[in-house]
Amino acid sequence: MERVADPKAVLKAALGGRRAPEHDVDRLGQTVALERLAKVPAYRRWLSDLRAVREQLHFL
């Protein structure tokens, strides 16, 4: 279970309340440690799904 009830709101607040936070993804990517991100269940699921697709497409 996720600990943050509304992660989109947290992201919006962290990026300064901009209307389009996707413009700051590059900056966010430079500051987030992958070790910490790996603690997020949704990110782990995404990694697992990505690996499965890469295997299906014979990219691994």
C-alpha atoms as a PDB file:
ATOM      1  CA  MET A   1       0.000   0.000   0.000  1.00  0.00           C
ATOM      2  CA  GLU A   2       1.225   3.483  -0.824  1.00  0.00           C
ATOM      3  CA  ARG A   3       1.884   5.734   2.171  1.00  0.00           C
ATOM      4  CA  VAL A   4       0.985   8.951   0.342  1.00  0.00           C
ATOM      5  CA  ALA A   5      -2.755   9.314  -0.195  1.00  0.00           C
ATOM      6  CA  ASP A   6      -2.404  11.712  -3.146  1.00  0.00           C
ATOM      7  CA  PRO A   7       1.049  11.390  -4.768  1.00  0.00           C
ATOM      8  CA  LYS A   8       0.078  13.726  -7.629  1.00  0.00           C
ATOM      9  CA  ALA A   9      -0.615  16.508  -5.137  1.00  0.00           C
ATOM     10  CA  VAL A  10       2.746  15.906  -3.460  1.00  0.00           C
ATOM     11  CA  LEU A  11       4.507  16.021  -6.820  1.00  0.00           C
ATOM     12  CA  LYS A  12       2.684  19.221  -7.752  1.00  0.00           C
ATOM     13  CA  ALA A  13       3.680  20.829  -4.443  1.00  0.00           C
ATOM     14  CA  ALA A  14       7.303  19.691  -4.825  1.00  0.00           C
ATOM     15  CA  LEU A  15       7.506  21.222  -8.292  1.00  0.00           C
ATOM     16  CA  GLY A  16       6.123  24.550  -7.180  1.00  0.00           C
ATOM     17  CA  GLY A  17       2.489  24.103  -8.152  1.00  0.00           C
ATOM     18  CA  ARG A  18       3.046  24.458 -11.877  1.00  0.00           C
ATOM     19  CA  ARG A  19       0.164  23.545 -14.157  1.00  0.00           C
ATOM     20  CA  ALA A  20       2.288  21.137 -16.187  1.00  0.00           C
ATOM     21  CA  PRO A  21       4.767  19.317 -13.903  1.00  0.00           C
ATOM     22  CA  GLU A  22       5.962  17.191 -16.833  1.00  0.00           C
ATOM     23  CA  HIS A  23       8.171  20.149 -17.785  1.00  0.00           C
ATOM     24  CA  ASP A  24      10.191  19.506 -14.640  1.00  0.00           C
ATOM     25  CA  VAL A  25      10.647  15.763 -15.128  1.00  0.00           C
ATOM     26  CA  ASP A  26      14.257  16.265 -16.212  1.00  0.00           C
ATOM     27  CA  ARG A  27      15.042  18.211 -13.033  1.00  0.00           C
ATOM     28  CA  LEU A  28      13.194  15.662 -10.932  1.00  0.00           C
ATOM     29  CA  GLY A  29      15.096  12.809 -12.589  1.00  0.00           C
ATOM     30  CA  GLN A  30      18.390  14.433 -11.662  1.00  0.00           C
ATOM     31  CA  THR A  31      17.500  14.679  -7.988  1.00  0.00           C
ATOM     32  CA  VAL A  32      15.771  11.361  -7.223  1.00  0.00           C
ATOM     33  CA  ALA A  33      17.997   8.475  -6.142  1.00  0.00           C
ATOM     34  CA  LEU A  34      17.049   5.190  -7.802  1.00  0.00           C
ATOM     35  CA  GLU A  35      17.619   3.397  -4.503  1.00  0.00           C
ATOM     36  CA  ARG A  36      14.888   5.483  -2.891  1.00  0.00           C
ATOM     37  CA  LEU A  37      12.615   5.213  -5.903  1.00  0.00           C
ATOM     38  CA  ALA A  38      12.937   1.425  -5.719  1.00  0.00           C
ATOM     39  CA  LYS A  39      11.090   1.591  -2.374  1.00  0.00           C
ATOM     40  CA  VAL A  40       7.928   2.792  -4.158  1.00  0.00           C
ATOM     41  CA  PRO A  41       5.627  -0.156  -4.955  1.00  0.00           C
ATOM     42  CA  ALA A  42       4.276   1.423  -8.147  1.00  0.00           C
ATOM     43  CA  TYR A  43       7.809   1.968  -9.452  1.00  0.00           C
ATOM     44  CA  ARG A  44       8.760  -1.639  -8.686  1.00  0.00           C
ATOM     45  CA  ARG A  45       5.660  -2.845 -10.571  1.00  0.00           C
ATOM     46  CA  TRP A  46       6.585  -0.605 -13.512  1.00  0.00           C
ATOM     47  CA  LEU A  47      10.111  -2.034 -13.573  1.00  0.00           C
ATOM     48  CA  SER A  48       8.752  -5.573 -13.467  1.00  0.00           C
ATOM     49  CA  ASP A  49       6.294  -4.874 -16.278  1.00  0.00           C
ATOM     50  CA  LEU A  50       9.012  -3.201 -18.343  1.00  0.00           C
ATOM     51  CA  ARG A  51      11.320  -6.178 -17.896  1.00  0.00           C
ATOM     52  CA  ALA A  52       8.553  -8.595 -18.945  1.00  0.00           C
ATOM     53  CA  VAL A  53       7.851  -6.621 -22.118  1.00  0.00           C
ATOM     54  CA  ARG A  54      11.557  -6.407 -22.953  1.00  0.00           C
ATOM     55  CA  GLU A  55      11.810 -10.174 -22.545  1.00  0.00           C
ATOM     56  CA  GLN A  56       8.760 -10.735 -24.758  1.00  0.00           C
ATOM     57  CA  LEU A  57      10.307  -8.535 -27.441  1.00  0.00           C
ATOM     58  CA  HIS A  58      13.665 -10.342 -27.045  1.00  0.00           C
ATOM     59  CA  PHE A  59      15.452  -7.164 -25.966  1.00  0.00           C
ATOM     60  CA  LEU A  60      16.974  -8.991 -22.988  1.00  0.00           C
END
